[in-house]
C-alpha atoms as a PDB file:
ATOM      1  CA  UNK A   1      38.341 -13.844 -21.422  1.00  0.00           C
ATOM      2  CA  UNK A   2      38.945 -14.316 -17.715  1.00  0.00           C
ATOM      3  CA  UNK A   3      36.401 -15.884 -15.405  1.00  0.00           C
ATOM      4  CA  UNK A   4      35.788 -15.323 -11.718  1.00  0.00           C
ATOM      5  CA  UNK A   5      36.121 -18.221  -9.331  1.00  0.00           C
ATOM      6  CA  UNK A   6      33.384 -17.941  -6.701  1.00  0.00           C
ATOM      7  CA  UNK A   7      35.804 -19.256  -4.115  1.00  0.00           C
ATOM      8  CA  UNK A   8      37.946 -16.114  -4.439  1.00  0.00           C
ATOM      9  CA  UNK A   9      35.064 -13.681  -3.953  1.00  0.00           C
ATOM     10  CA  UNK A  10      33.985 -12.456  -0.525  1.00  0.00           C
ATOM     11  CA  UNK A  11      30.584 -10.790  -0.472  1.00  0.00           C
ATOM     12  CA  UNK A  12      30.184  -7.801   1.820  1.00  0.00           C
ATOM     13  CA  UNK A  13      27.478  -5.290   2.574  1.00  0.00           C
ATOM     14  CA  UNK A  14      27.171  -1.781   3.951  1.00  0.00           C
ATOM     15  CA  UNK A  15      24.306   0.337   5.183  1.00  0.00           C
ATOM     16  CA  UNK A  16      23.321   3.553   3.460  1.00  0.00           C
ATOM     17  CA  UNK A  17      20.564   6.033   4.164  1.00  0.00           C
ATOM     18  CA  UNK A  18      17.907   6.842   1.571  1.00  0.00           C
ATOM     19  CA  UNK A  19      15.259   9.542   1.602  1.00  0.00           C
ATOM     20  CA  UNK A  20      11.605   8.681   1.071  1.00  0.00           C
ATOM     21  CA  UNK A  21       9.093  11.344   0.130  1.00  0.00           C
ATOM     22  CA  UNK A  22       5.453  11.878   0.979  1.00  0.00           C
ATOM     23  CA  UNK A  23       2.811  14.576   0.555  1.00  0.00           C
ATOM     24  CA  UNK A  24       0.183  15.577   3.095  1.00  0.00           C
ATOM     25  CA  UNK A  25      -3.069  17.523   3.057  1.00  0.00           C
ATOM     26  CA  UNK A  26      -4.354  18.547   6.496  1.00  0.00           C
ATOM     27  CA  UNK A  27      -7.940  18.464   7.658  1.00  0.00           C
ATOM     28  CA  UNK A  28      -9.706  21.536   9.017  1.00  0.00           C
ATOM     29  CA  UNK A  29      -9.848  19.995  12.498  1.00  0.00           C
ATOM     30  CA  UNK A  30      -6.928  18.276  14.218  1.00  0.00           C
ATOM     31  CA  UNK A  31      -6.209  15.576  15.082  1.00  0.00           C
ATOM     32  CA  UNK A  32      -8.153  14.057  12.209  1.00  0.00           C
ATOM     33  CA  UNK A  33      -8.744  10.572  10.848  1.00  0.00           C
ATOM     34  CA  UNK A  34      -5.945   9.835   8.383  1.00  0.00           C
ATOM     35  CA  UNK A  35      -5.990   8.055   5.030  1.00  0.00           C
ATOM     36  CA  UNK A  36      -2.542   7.000   3.820  1.00  0.00           C
ATOM     37  CA  UNK A  37      -2.550   6.113   0.116  1.00  0.00           C
ATOM     38  CA  UNK A  38       0.159   4.127  -1.671  1.00  0.00           C
ATOM     39  CA  UNK A  39       0.454   3.983  -5.455  1.00  0.00           C
ATOM     40  CA  UNK A  40       1.015   0.997  -7.729  1.00  0.00           C
ATOM     41  CA  UNK A  41       4.089   0.113  -9.772  1.00  0.00           C
ATOM     42  CA  UNK A  42       5.269   2.861 -12.092  1.00  0.00           C
ATOM     43  CA  UNK A  43       3.192   5.607 -10.495  1.00  0.00           C
ATOM     44  CA  UNK A  44       4.074   8.213  -7.846  1.00  0.00           C
ATOM     45  CA  UNK A  45       2.862   9.952  -4.708  1.00  0.00           C
ATOM     46  CA  UNK A  46       1.013  12.392  -6.968  1.00  0.00           C
ATOM     47  CA  UNK A  47      -1.155   9.569  -8.323  1.00  0.00           C
ATOM     48  CA  UNK A  48      -1.783   8.234  -4.808  1.00  0.00           C
ATOM     49  CA  UNK A  49      -2.808  11.640  -3.490  1.00  0.00           C
ATOM     50  CA  UNK A  50      -5.151  12.174  -6.418  1.00  0.00           C
ATOM     51  CA  UNK A  51      -6.964   8.958  -5.498  1.00  0.00           C
ATOM     52  CA  UNK A  52      -6.988   9.824  -1.799  1.00  0.00           C
ATOM     53  CA  UNK A  53      -8.696  13.148  -2.560  1.00  0.00           C
ATOM     54  CA  UNK A  54     -11.315  11.402  -4.702  1.00  0.00           C
ATOM     55  CA  UNK A  55     -11.987   8.755  -2.053  1.00  0.00           C
ATOM     56  CA  UNK A  56     -11.707  10.242   1.441  1.00  0.00           C
ATOM     57  CA  UNK A  57     -14.819  11.487   3.272  1.00  0.00           C
ATOM     58  CA  UNK A  58     -14.913  15.085   4.451  1.00  0.00           C
ATOM     59  CA  UNK A  59     -12.811  15.710   7.546  1.00  0.00           C
ATOM     60  CA  UNK A  60      -9.987  13.299   6.693  1.00  0.00           C
ATOM     61  CA  UNK A  61      -6.326  14.238   6.644  1.00  0.00           C
ATOM     62  CA  UNK A  62      -4.462  12.728   3.694  1.00  0.00           C
ATOM     63  CA  UNK A  63      -0.964  11.387   3.139  1.00  0.00           C
ATOM     64  CA  UNK A  64       0.634   9.791   0.077  1.00  0.00           C
ATOM     65  CA  UNK A  65       3.963   7.951   0.330  1.00  0.00           C
ATOM     66  CA  UNK A  66       6.204   7.380  -2.685  1.00  0.00           C
ATOM     67  CA  UNK A  67       7.992   4.104  -3.380  1.00  0.00           C
ATOM     68  CA  UNK A  68      11.788   3.969  -2.988  1.00  0.00           C
ATOM     69  CA  UNK A  69      12.719   2.382  -6.332  1.00  0.00           C
ATOM     70  CA  UNK A  70      12.871   4.878  -9.182  1.00  0.00           C
ATOM     71  CA  UNK A  71      12.881   4.053 -12.885  1.00  0.00           C
ATOM     72  CA  UNK A  72      12.222   5.735 -16.213  1.00  0.00           C
ATOM     73  CA  UNK A  73       8.818   5.355 -17.804  1.00  0.00           C
ATOM     74  CA  UNK A  74       8.222   5.446 -21.523  1.00  0.00           C
ATOM     75  CA  UNK A  75       6.020   8.381 -22.569  1.00  0.00           C
ATOM     76  CA  UNK A  76       2.428   7.516 -23.433  1.00  0.00           C
ATOM     77  CA  UNK A  77       2.659   9.567 -26.608  1.00  0.00           C
ATOM     78  CA  UNK A  78       5.397   9.157 -29.216  1.00  0.00           C
ATOM     79  CA  UNK A  79       7.947  11.908 -28.881  1.00  0.00           C
ATOM     80  CA  UNK A  80       6.746  12.855 -25.396  1.00  0.00           C
ATOM     81  CA  UNK A  81       9.125  13.382 -22.475  1.00  0.00           C
ATOM     82  CA  UNK A  82      10.320  10.487 -20.366  1.00  0.00           C
ATOM     83  CA  UNK A  83       8.750  10.440 -16.929  1.00  0.00           C
ATOM     84  CA  UNK A  84       9.823   8.927 -13.651  1.00  0.00           C
ATOM     85  CA  UNK A  85       7.921   6.058 -12.051  1.00  0.00           C
ATOM     86  CA  UNK A  86       8.394   4.400  -8.691  1.00  0.00           C
ATOM     87  CA  UNK A  87       8.039   0.903  -7.300  1.00  0.00           C
ATOM     88  CA  UNK A  88       8.078  -0.793  -3.921  1.00  0.00           C
ATOM     89  CA  UNK A  89       9.929  -4.081  -4.463  1.00  0.00           C
ATOM     90  CA  UNK A  90      12.849  -5.541  -6.368  1.00  0.00           C
ATOM     91  CA  UNK A  91      13.607  -9.206  -7.077  1.00  0.00           C
ATOM     92  CA  UNK A  92      16.973  -8.853  -5.349  1.00  0.00           C
ATOM     93  CA  UNK A  93      16.538  -9.272  -1.577  1.00  0.00           C
ATOM     94  CA  UNK A  94      12.854  -8.271  -1.490  1.00  0.00           C
ATOM     95  CA  UNK A  95      12.800  -8.618   2.299  1.00  0.00           C
ATOM     96  CA  UNK A  96      14.904  -5.465   2.495  1.00  0.00           C
ATOM     97  CA  UNK A  97      12.297  -3.536   0.492  1.00  0.00           C
ATOM     98  CA  UNK A  98       9.592  -4.852   2.829  1.00  0.00           C
ATOM     99  CA  UNK A  99      11.584  -3.599   5.831  1.00  0.00           C
ATOM    100  CA  UNK A 100      11.954  -0.152   4.240  1.00  0.00           C
ATOM    101  CA  UNK A 101       8.192  -0.024   3.618  1.00  0.00           C
ATOM    102  CA  UNK A 102       7.414  -0.936   7.248  1.00  0.00           C
ATOM    103  CA  UNK A 103       9.903   1.535   8.691  1.00  0.00           C
ATOM    104  CA  UNK A 104       8.692   4.362   6.456  1.00  0.00           C
ATOM    105  CA  UNK A 105       5.061   3.883   7.451  1.00  0.00           C
ATOM    106  CA  UNK A 106       5.856   3.648  11.162  1.00  0.00           C
ATOM    107  CA  UNK A 107       8.004   6.781  11.095  1.00  0.00           C
ATOM    108  CA  UNK A 108       5.467   8.691   9.029  1.00  0.00           C
ATOM    109  CA  UNK A 109       2.596   7.725  11.347  1.00  0.00           C
ATOM    110  CA  UNK A 110       4.641   8.672  14.414  1.00  0.00           C
ATOM    111  CA  UNK A 111       5.500  12.060  12.918  1.00  0.00           C
ATOM    112  CA  UNK A 112       1.923  12.881  11.884  1.00  0.00           C
ATOM    113  CA  UNK A 113       0.391  11.810  15.194  1.00  0.00           C
ATOM    114  CA  UNK A 114       3.063  13.592  17.262  1.00  0.00           C
ATOM    115  CA  UNK A 115       2.202  16.792  15.357  1.00  0.00           C
ATOM    116  CA  UNK A 116      -1.526  16.223  16.105  1.00  0.00           C
ATOM    117  CA  UNK A 117      -2.033  16.082  12.344  1.00  0.00           C
ATOM    118  CA  UNK A 118      -3.656  12.648  12.675  1.00  0.00           C
ATOM    119  CA  UNK A 119      -5.625  10.707  15.281  1.00  0.00           C
ATOM    120  CA  UNK A 120      -3.618   7.605  16.140  1.00  0.00           C
ATOM    121  CA  UNK A 121      -6.796   5.569  16.681  1.00  0.00           C
ATOM    122  CA  UNK A 122      -8.216   6.341  13.212  1.00  0.00           C
ATOM    123  CA  UNK A 123      -5.478   5.572  10.704  1.00  0.00           C
ATOM    124  CA  UNK A 124      -6.413   3.854   7.444  1.00  0.00           C
ATOM    125  CA  UNK A 125      -3.997   2.473   4.849  1.00  0.00           C
ATOM    126  CA  UNK A 126      -4.907   2.091   1.175  1.00  0.00           C
ATOM    127  CA  UNK A 127      -2.870   0.322  -1.482  1.00  0.00           C
ATOM    128  CA  UNK A 128      -3.354  -0.301  -5.191  1.00  0.00           C
ATOM    129  CA  UNK A 129      -1.772  -3.149  -7.165  1.00  0.00           C
ATOM    130  CA  UNK A 130       1.858  -3.714  -6.069  1.00  0.00           C
ATOM    131  CA  UNK A 131       1.429  -1.908  -2.747  1.00  0.00           C
ATOM    132  CA  UNK A 132      -1.603  -4.016  -1.798  1.00  0.00           C
ATOM    133  CA  UNK A 133       0.273  -7.104  -0.558  1.00  0.00           C
ATOM    134  CA  UNK A 134       2.923  -4.899   1.062  1.00  0.00           C
ATOM    135  CA  UNK A 135       0.229  -3.106   3.042  1.00  0.00           C
ATOM    136  CA  UNK A 136      -1.197  -6.432   4.192  1.00  0.00           C
ATOM    137  CA  UNK A 137       2.275  -7.421   5.361  1.00  0.00           C
ATOM    138  CA  UNK A 138       2.403  -4.217   7.375  1.00  0.00           C
ATOM    139  CA  UNK A 139      -1.123  -4.477   8.781  1.00  0.00           C
ATOM    140  CA  UNK A 140      -0.690  -8.017  10.062  1.00  0.00           C
ATOM    141  CA  UNK A 141       2.890  -7.568  11.281  1.00  0.00           C
ATOM    142  CA  UNK A 142       1.889  -4.442  13.237  1.00  0.00           C
ATOM    143  CA  UNK A 143      -1.659  -5.415  14.264  1.00  0.00           C
ATOM    144  CA  UNK A 144      -2.326  -2.476  16.599  1.00  0.00           C
ATOM    145  CA  UNK A 145      -1.339   0.429  14.330  1.00  0.00           C
ATOM    146  CA  UNK A 146      -4.225   0.652  11.849  1.00  0.00           C
ATOM    147  CA  UNK A 147      -7.975   1.089  12.160  1.00  0.00           C
ATOM    148  CA  UNK A 148      -8.425  -0.301   8.669  1.00  0.00           C
ATOM    149  CA  UNK A 149      -6.604  -1.456   5.536  1.00  0.00           C
ATOM    150  CA  UNK A 150      -7.914  -1.306   1.966  1.00  0.00           C
ATOM    151  CA  UNK A 151      -6.524  -3.395  -0.874  1.00  0.00           C
ATOM    152  CA  UNK A 152      -7.445  -2.654  -4.492  1.00  0.00           C
ATOM    153  CA  UNK A 153      -6.599  -4.816  -7.523  1.00  0.00           C
ATOM    154  CA  UNK A 154      -3.720  -6.518  -5.731  1.00  0.00           C
ATOM    155  CA  UNK A 155      -2.649  -9.707  -4.043  1.00  0.00           C
ATOM    156  CA  UNK A 156      -1.924 -11.281  -0.688  1.00  0.00           C
ATOM    157  CA  UNK A 157       1.609 -11.817   0.612  1.00  0.00           C
ATOM    158  CA  UNK A 158       3.220 -14.868  -0.937  1.00  0.00           C
ATOM    159  CA  UNK A 159       4.131 -16.125   2.538  1.00  0.00           C
ATOM    160  CA  UNK A 160       0.652 -15.516   3.980  1.00  0.00           C
ATOM    161  CA  UNK A 161       0.273 -19.011   5.428  1.00  0.00           C
ATOM    162  CA  UNK A 162       3.870 -19.552   6.527  1.00  0.00           C
ATOM    163  CA  UNK A 163       5.200 -16.284   7.985  1.00  0.00           C
ATOM    164  CA  UNK A 164       5.041 -16.357  11.780  1.00  0.00           C
ATOM    165  CA  UNK A 165       5.328 -12.553  11.913  1.00  0.00           C
ATOM    166  CA  UNK A 166       1.701 -12.156  10.789  1.00  0.00           C
ATOM    167  CA  UNK A 167      -0.690 -11.806  13.731  1.00  0.00           C
ATOM    168  CA  UNK A 168      -4.407 -11.426  14.263  1.00  0.00           C
ATOM    169  CA  UNK A 169      -5.584  -7.832  14.050  1.00  0.00           C
ATOM    170  CA  UNK A 170      -8.647  -5.880  15.083  1.00  0.00           C
ATOM    171  CA  UNK A 171      -8.208  -3.669  11.998  1.00  0.00           C
ATOM    172  CA  UNK A 172     -11.008  -3.844   9.440  1.00  0.00           C
ATOM    173  CA  UNK A 173     -10.142  -5.090   5.949  1.00  0.00           C
ATOM    174  CA  UNK A 174     -11.742  -4.136   2.629  1.00  0.00           C
ATOM    175  CA  UNK A 175     -10.526  -5.847  -0.546  1.00  0.00           C
ATOM    176  CA  UNK A 176     -11.791  -4.757  -3.966  1.00  0.00           C
ATOM    177  CA  UNK A 177     -11.265  -6.741  -7.169  1.00  0.00           C
ATOM    178  CA  UNK A 178     -12.183  -6.271 -10.822  1.00  0.00           C
ATOM    179  CA  UNK A 179     -13.776  -9.111 -12.761  1.00  0.00           C
ATOM    180  CA  UNK A 180     -11.827  -7.987 -15.851  1.00  0.00           C
ATOM    181  CA  UNK A 181      -8.514  -7.467 -14.077  1.00  0.00           C
ATOM    182  CA  UNK A 182      -5.789  -8.974 -16.270  1.00  0.00           C
ATOM    183  CA  UNK A 183      -3.432  -9.459 -13.307  1.00  0.00           C
ATOM    184  CA  UNK A 184      -5.757 -10.346 -10.432  1.00  0.00           C
ATOM    185  CA  UNK A 185      -8.743 -11.955 -12.105  1.00  0.00           C
ATOM    186  CA  UNK A 186     -11.580 -13.883 -10.438  1.00  0.00           C
ATOM    187  CA  UNK A 187      -9.779 -17.229 -10.330  1.00  0.00           C
ATOM    188  CA  UNK A 188      -6.709 -15.774  -8.683  1.00  0.00           C
ATOM    189  CA  UNK A 189      -8.570 -13.857  -5.967  1.00  0.00           C
ATOM    190  CA  UNK A 190     -11.320 -16.430  -5.300  1.00  0.00           C
ATOM    191  CA  UNK A 191      -9.935 -17.493  -1.921  1.00  0.00           C
ATOM    192  CA  UNK A 192      -8.771 -14.107  -0.651  1.00  0.00           C
ATOM    193  CA  UNK A 193     -11.750 -13.441   1.644  1.00  0.00           C
ATOM    194  CA  UNK A 194     -11.310 -16.713   3.538  1.00  0.00           C
ATOM    195  CA  UNK A 195      -7.552 -16.228   3.753  1.00  0.00           C
ATOM    196  CA  UNK A 196      -7.900 -12.718   5.174  1.00  0.00           C
ATOM    197  CA  UNK A 197     -10.419 -13.971   7.742  1.00  0.00           C
ATOM    198  CA  UNK A 198      -7.697 -16.216   9.126  1.00  0.00           C
ATOM    199  CA  UNK A 199      -6.325 -13.140  10.905  1.00  0.00           C
ATOM    200  CA  UNK A 200      -9.012 -10.421  10.764  1.00  0.00           C
ATOM    201  CA  UNK A 201     -12.569 -10.465  12.132  1.00  0.00           C
ATOM    202  CA  UNK A 202     -14.010  -7.670   9.968  1.00  0.00           C
ATOM    203  CA  UNK A 203     -13.350  -8.518   6.313  1.00  0.00           C
ATOM    204  CA  UNK A 204     -15.315  -7.387   3.269  1.00  0.00           C
ATOM    205  CA  UNK A 205     -14.487  -8.620  -0.227  1.00  0.00           C
ATOM    206  CA  UNK A 206     -16.201  -6.988  -3.206  1.00  0.00           C
ATOM    207  CA  UNK A 207     -16.098  -7.630  -6.949  1.00  0.00           C
ATOM    208  CA  UNK A 208     -16.654  -4.963  -9.601  1.00  0.00           C
ATOM    209  CA  UNK A 209     -17.066  -4.812 -13.352  1.00  0.00           C
ATOM    210  CA  UNK A 210     -13.607  -3.284 -13.713  1.00  0.00           C
ATOM    211  CA  UNK A 211     -10.183  -3.927 -15.180  1.00  0.00           C
ATOM    212  CA  UNK A 212      -6.891  -3.281 -13.344  1.00  0.00           C
ATOM    213  CA  UNK A 213      -8.025   0.108 -12.087  1.00  0.00           C
ATOM    214  CA  UNK A 214      -9.787   2.063  -9.372  1.00  0.00           C
ATOM    215  CA  UNK A 215     -13.277   2.606 -10.682  1.00  0.00           C
ATOM    216  CA  UNK A 216     -15.830   5.259  -9.748  1.00  0.00           C
ATOM    217  CA  UNK A 217     -17.940   2.610  -8.005  1.00  0.00           C
ATOM    218  CA  UNK A 218     -14.939   1.453  -5.967  1.00  0.00           C
ATOM    219  CA  UNK A 219     -14.241   4.997  -4.801  1.00  0.00           C
ATOM    220  CA  UNK A 220     -17.825   5.491  -3.653  1.00  0.00           C
ATOM    221  CA  UNK A 221     -17.863   2.212  -1.722  1.00  0.00           C
ATOM    222  CA  UNK A 222     -14.530   2.927  -0.047  1.00  0.00           C
ATOM    223  CA  UNK A 223     -15.795   6.361   1.005  1.00  0.00           C
ATOM    224  CA  UNK A 224     -18.857   4.807   2.663  1.00  0.00           C
ATOM    225  CA  UNK A 225     -16.763   2.056   4.263  1.00  0.00           C
ATOM    226  CA  UNK A 226     -14.404   4.625   5.783  1.00  0.00           C
ATOM    227  CA  UNK A 227     -17.265   6.731   7.131  1.00  0.00           C
ATOM    228  CA  UNK A 228     -18.819   3.703   8.819  1.00  0.00           C
ATOM    229  CA  UNK A 229     -15.589   2.970  10.701  1.00  0.00           C
ATOM    230  CA  UNK A 230     -14.975   6.374  12.219  1.00  0.00           C
ATOM    231  CA  UNK A 231     -16.939   5.489  15.368  1.00  0.00           C
END
């Protein structure tokens, strides 16, 4: 069996274009406040839009972006069809996935505001689970784009205290956590409020009797929070 000597290998790279997909639901009046919803790992834009419809106050336009990394999901029922799921990050060169996420959001926001679909001064970004930390990366790297950012059952960026790209923002922040969340339990999220206040003036952190999910109570509180920040 032959082996490869690392000294004889030259690593190269090339650029390739990928398509990202998103769904929109317009408001009756344009331009409207916009809620952009991002799904968690293994879900899709359909799941994100379903949550956006359950959460958004009347008069909001809605958008749901789908992650770039596709994979097969096992069916929930034995013998059921395989379904596709999507994610936002990979372990290999995750900074490239972060850049794709940022570019997709910026281009989507530009397109929807140029079409008068959305009001550029009232754009809110919501993320669940895996997309939560990614959305924080976006919000604090581009501090003048969003009116507010909502994180549900997710984490903070791993480089929160060391990345010089993160800036102070006037955007409001709402973080929701479940006391029974098996991934982001109380001990893990205990310091999140103070950490977010390092770079945001308006931060609310709320705990719920919930697992790794978006509960009915969370939806109601997000709806009220969004309504309060339209003025």
